Amino acid sequence: MNEWIIVAIVAIAVIFGATKLPEIARNLGRSSNEFKKGLKEGGEEADHAAKAEQVPPDPPATNPQA
């Protein structure tokens, strides 16, 4: 199993080159952070929508002059 990991790392280094690997890793990290941020914001919006649906509507106003 460990041999395959080493082979994969060497293959990636050969394909992309050693100078591009740090840039690719940075971009993957940024993408991961943006994805997690989007999931968090989506969950917060869903929570707000659920809370808004739970609020009962105001009762109809009565006419005090009648």
N, C-alpha and C. Protein backbone atom coordinates (compact mmCIF):
# COMPACT_ATOMS: atom_id res chain seq x y z
N MET A 1 0.83 -1.20 0.00
CA MET A 1 0.00 0.00 0.00
C MET A 1 0.87 1.26 0.00
N ASN A 2 1.89 1.27 0.85
CA ASN A 2 2.77 2.43 0.94
C ASN A 2 3.57 2.64 -0.34
N GLU A 3 3.85 1.54 -1.04
CA GLU A 3 4.58 1.66 -2.29
C GLU A 3 3.77 2.44 -3.32
N TRP A 4 2.47 2.22 -3.33
CA TRP A 4 1.60 2.91 -4.30
C TRP A 4 1.53 4.40 -4.00
N ILE A 5 1.57 4.76 -2.75
CA ILE A 5 1.56 6.18 -2.39
C ILE A 5 2.83 6.86 -2.90
N ILE A 6 3.95 6.19 -2.72
CA ILE A 6 5.22 6.74 -3.18
C ILE A 6 5.22 6.86 -4.71
N VAL A 7 4.73 5.82 -5.37
CA VAL A 7 4.66 5.85 -6.84
C VAL A 7 3.75 6.98 -7.30
N ALA A 8 2.61 7.18 -6.62
CA ALA A 8 1.69 8.24 -7.00
C ALA A 8 2.33 9.61 -6.82
N ILE A 9 3.04 9.82 -5.72
CA ILE A 9 3.70 11.10 -5.47
C ILE A 9 4.76 11.38 -6.52
N VAL A 10 5.54 10.37 -6.85
CA VAL A 10 6.57 10.55 -7.88
C VAL A 10 5.93 10.84 -9.24
N ALA A 11 4.86 10.13 -9.56
CA ALA A 11 4.18 10.36 -10.84
C ALA A 11 3.62 11.78 -10.92
N ILE A 12 3.02 12.25 -9.85
CA ILE A 12 2.48 13.61 -9.83
C ILE A 12 3.60 14.63 -9.98
N ALA A 13 4.72 14.40 -9.31
CA ALA A 13 5.85 15.31 -9.41
C ALA A 13 6.39 15.36 -10.83
N VAL A 14 6.42 14.21 -11.50
CA VAL A 14 6.92 14.16 -12.87
C VAL A 14 5.94 14.85 -13.82
N ILE A 15 4.66 14.62 -13.62
CA ILE A 15 3.66 15.19 -14.53
C ILE A 15 3.59 16.71 -14.39
N PHE A 16 3.47 17.21 -13.18
CA PHE A 16 3.27 18.64 -12.97
C PHE A 16 4.56 19.42 -12.78
N GLY A 17 5.61 18.77 -12.37
CA GLY A 17 6.86 19.47 -12.12
C GLY A 17 6.91 19.99 -10.70
N ALA A 18 8.09 20.06 -10.17
CA ALA A 18 8.26 20.46 -8.77
C ALA A 18 7.89 21.92 -8.53
N THR A 19 7.98 22.76 -9.55
CA THR A 19 7.67 24.18 -9.35
C THR A 19 6.17 24.44 -9.29
N LYS A 20 5.37 23.60 -9.91
CA LYS A 20 3.93 23.80 -9.92
C LYS A 20 3.23 23.19 -8.71
N LEU A 21 3.85 22.24 -8.04
CA LEU A 21 3.20 21.54 -6.93
C LEU A 21 2.79 22.47 -5.79
N PRO A 22 3.61 23.42 -5.33
CA PRO A 22 3.15 24.31 -4.26
C PRO A 22 1.96 25.17 -4.69
N GLU A 23 1.95 25.60 -5.93
CA GLU A 23 0.82 26.40 -6.43
C GLU A 23 -0.45 25.56 -6.47
N ILE A 24 -0.35 24.34 -6.90
CA ILE A 24 -1.51 23.45 -6.95
C ILE A 24 -2.03 23.19 -5.54
N ALA A 25 -1.12 22.96 -4.59
CA ALA A 25 -1.53 22.72 -3.20
C ALA A 25 -2.23 23.95 -2.61
N ARG A 26 -1.70 25.14 -2.89
CA ARG A 26 -2.35 26.37 -2.40
C ARG A 26 -3.75 26.51 -2.98
N ASN A 27 -3.89 26.26 -4.27
CA ASN A 27 -5.20 26.39 -4.90
C ASN A 27 -6.19 25.36 -4.36
N LEU A 28 -5.71 24.16 -4.08
CA LEU A 28 -6.59 23.15 -3.49
C LEU A 28 -7.02 23.57 -2.09
N GLY A 29 -6.11 24.13 -1.32
CA GLY A 29 -6.46 24.60 0.03
C GLY A 29 -7.47 25.73 -0.01
N ARG A 30 -7.27 26.67 -0.91
CA ARG A 30 -8.23 27.78 -1.05
C ARG A 30 -9.59 27.27 -1.48
N SER A 31 -9.61 26.35 -2.42
CA SER A 31 -10.88 25.79 -2.89
C SER A 31 -11.60 25.07 -1.77
N SER A 32 -10.85 24.32 -0.98
CA SER A 32 -11.44 23.61 0.15
C SER A 32 -12.03 24.58 1.16
N ASN A 33 -11.30 25.65 1.46
CA ASN A 33 -11.81 26.65 2.41
C ASN A 33 -13.06 27.34 1.89
N GLU A 34 -13.09 27.68 0.61
CA GLU A 34 -14.27 28.32 0.02
C GLU A 34 -15.46 27.38 0.05
N PHE A 35 -15.22 26.10 -0.21
CA PHE A 35 -16.30 25.12 -0.19
C PHE A 35 -16.88 24.99 1.21
N LYS A 36 -16.01 24.90 2.23
CA LYS A 36 -16.48 24.81 3.61
C LYS A 36 -17.22 26.07 4.03
N LYS A 37 -16.73 27.22 3.59
CA LYS A 37 -17.39 28.50 3.90
C LYS A 37 -18.78 28.53 3.27
N GLY A 38 -18.88 28.08 2.04
CA GLY A 38 -20.18 28.04 1.37
C GLY A 38 -21.15 27.09 2.05
N LEU A 39 -20.66 25.95 2.51
CA LEU A 39 -21.52 25.02 3.24
C LEU A 39 -22.03 25.64 4.53
N LYS A 40 -21.14 26.34 5.22
CA LYS A 40 -21.53 26.97 6.49
C LYS A 40 -22.57 28.06 6.25
N GLU A 41 -22.34 28.90 5.24
CA GLU A 41 -23.30 29.97 4.94
C GLU A 41 -24.63 29.40 4.49
N GLY A 42 -24.61 28.33 3.71
CA GLY A 42 -25.85 27.70 3.27
C GLY A 42 -26.63 27.13 4.43
N GLY A 43 -25.91 26.54 5.40
CA GLY A 43 -26.57 26.01 6.59
C GLY A 43 -27.19 27.11 7.43
N GLU A 44 -26.49 28.23 7.54
CA GLU A 44 -27.02 29.36 8.31
C GLU A 44 -28.27 29.93 7.65
N GLU A 45 -28.27 30.02 6.32
CA GLU A 45 -29.44 30.52 5.60
C GLU A 45 -30.62 29.58 5.78
N ALA A 46 -30.36 28.29 5.77
CA ALA A 46 -31.43 27.31 5.97
C ALA A 46 -32.00 27.43 7.39
N ASP A 47 -31.12 27.67 8.38
CA ASP A 47 -31.59 27.84 9.75
C ASP A 47 -32.47 29.08 9.88
N HIS A 48 -32.05 30.17 9.24
CA HIS A 48 -32.84 31.40 9.30
C HIS A 48 -34.19 31.20 8.62
N ALA A 49 -34.21 30.50 7.51
CA ALA A 49 -35.47 30.25 6.80
C ALA A 49 -36.39 29.37 7.64
N ALA A 50 -35.82 28.37 8.33
CA ALA A 50 -36.63 27.50 9.16
C ALA A 50 -37.22 28.27 10.34
N LYS A 51 -36.42 29.17 10.93
CA LYS A 51 -36.92 29.97 12.05
C LYS A 51 -38.00 30.94 11.58
N ALA A 52 -37.86 31.48 10.39
CA ALA A 52 -38.86 32.41 9.87
C ALA A 52 -40.18 31.70 9.63
N GLU A 53 -40.13 30.44 9.25
CA GLU A 53 -41.36 29.69 9.01
C GLU A 53 -42.05 29.33 10.31
N GLN A 54 -41.32 29.25 11.42
CA GLN A 54 -41.90 28.86 12.70
C GLN A 54 -42.62 30.01 13.39
N VAL A 55 -42.39 31.23 12.98
CA VAL A 55 -43.03 32.39 13.61
C VAL A 55 -44.49 32.42 13.18
N PRO A 56 -45.44 32.40 14.14
CA PRO A 56 -46.86 32.42 13.75
C PRO A 56 -47.23 33.81 13.20
N PRO A 57 -48.17 33.85 12.28
CA PRO A 57 -48.57 35.15 11.72
C PRO A 57 -49.30 35.97 12.78
N ASP A 58 -49.29 37.28 12.59
CA ASP A 58 -49.99 38.18 13.51
C ASP A 58 -51.50 37.95 13.39
N PRO A 59 -52.22 38.01 14.52
CA PRO A 59 -53.69 37.86 14.45
C PRO A 59 -54.30 39.08 13.76
N PRO A 60 -55.44 38.90 13.15
CA PRO A 60 -56.07 40.05 12.48
C PRO A 60 -56.41 41.14 13.49
N ALA A 61 -56.22 42.37 13.09
CA ALA A 61 -56.48 43.49 13.97
C ALA A 61 -58.00 43.70 14.11
N THR A 62 -58.42 44.02 15.34
CA THR A 62 -59.84 44.31 15.57
C THR A 62 -60.07 45.80 15.44
N ASN A 63 -61.24 46.16 15.03
CA ASN A 63 -61.59 47.57 14.86
C ASN A 63 -62.11 48.10 16.19
N PRO A 64 -61.38 49.00 16.90
CA PRO A 64 -61.82 49.48 18.21
C PRO A 64 -63.01 50.43 18.12
N GLN A 65 -63.34 50.96 16.96
CA GLN A 65 -64.44 51.91 16.85
C GLN A 65 -65.78 51.23 16.64
N ALA A 66 -65.83 49.99 16.46
CA ALA A 66 -67.09 49.30 16.17
C ALA A 66 -67.94 49.08 17.35
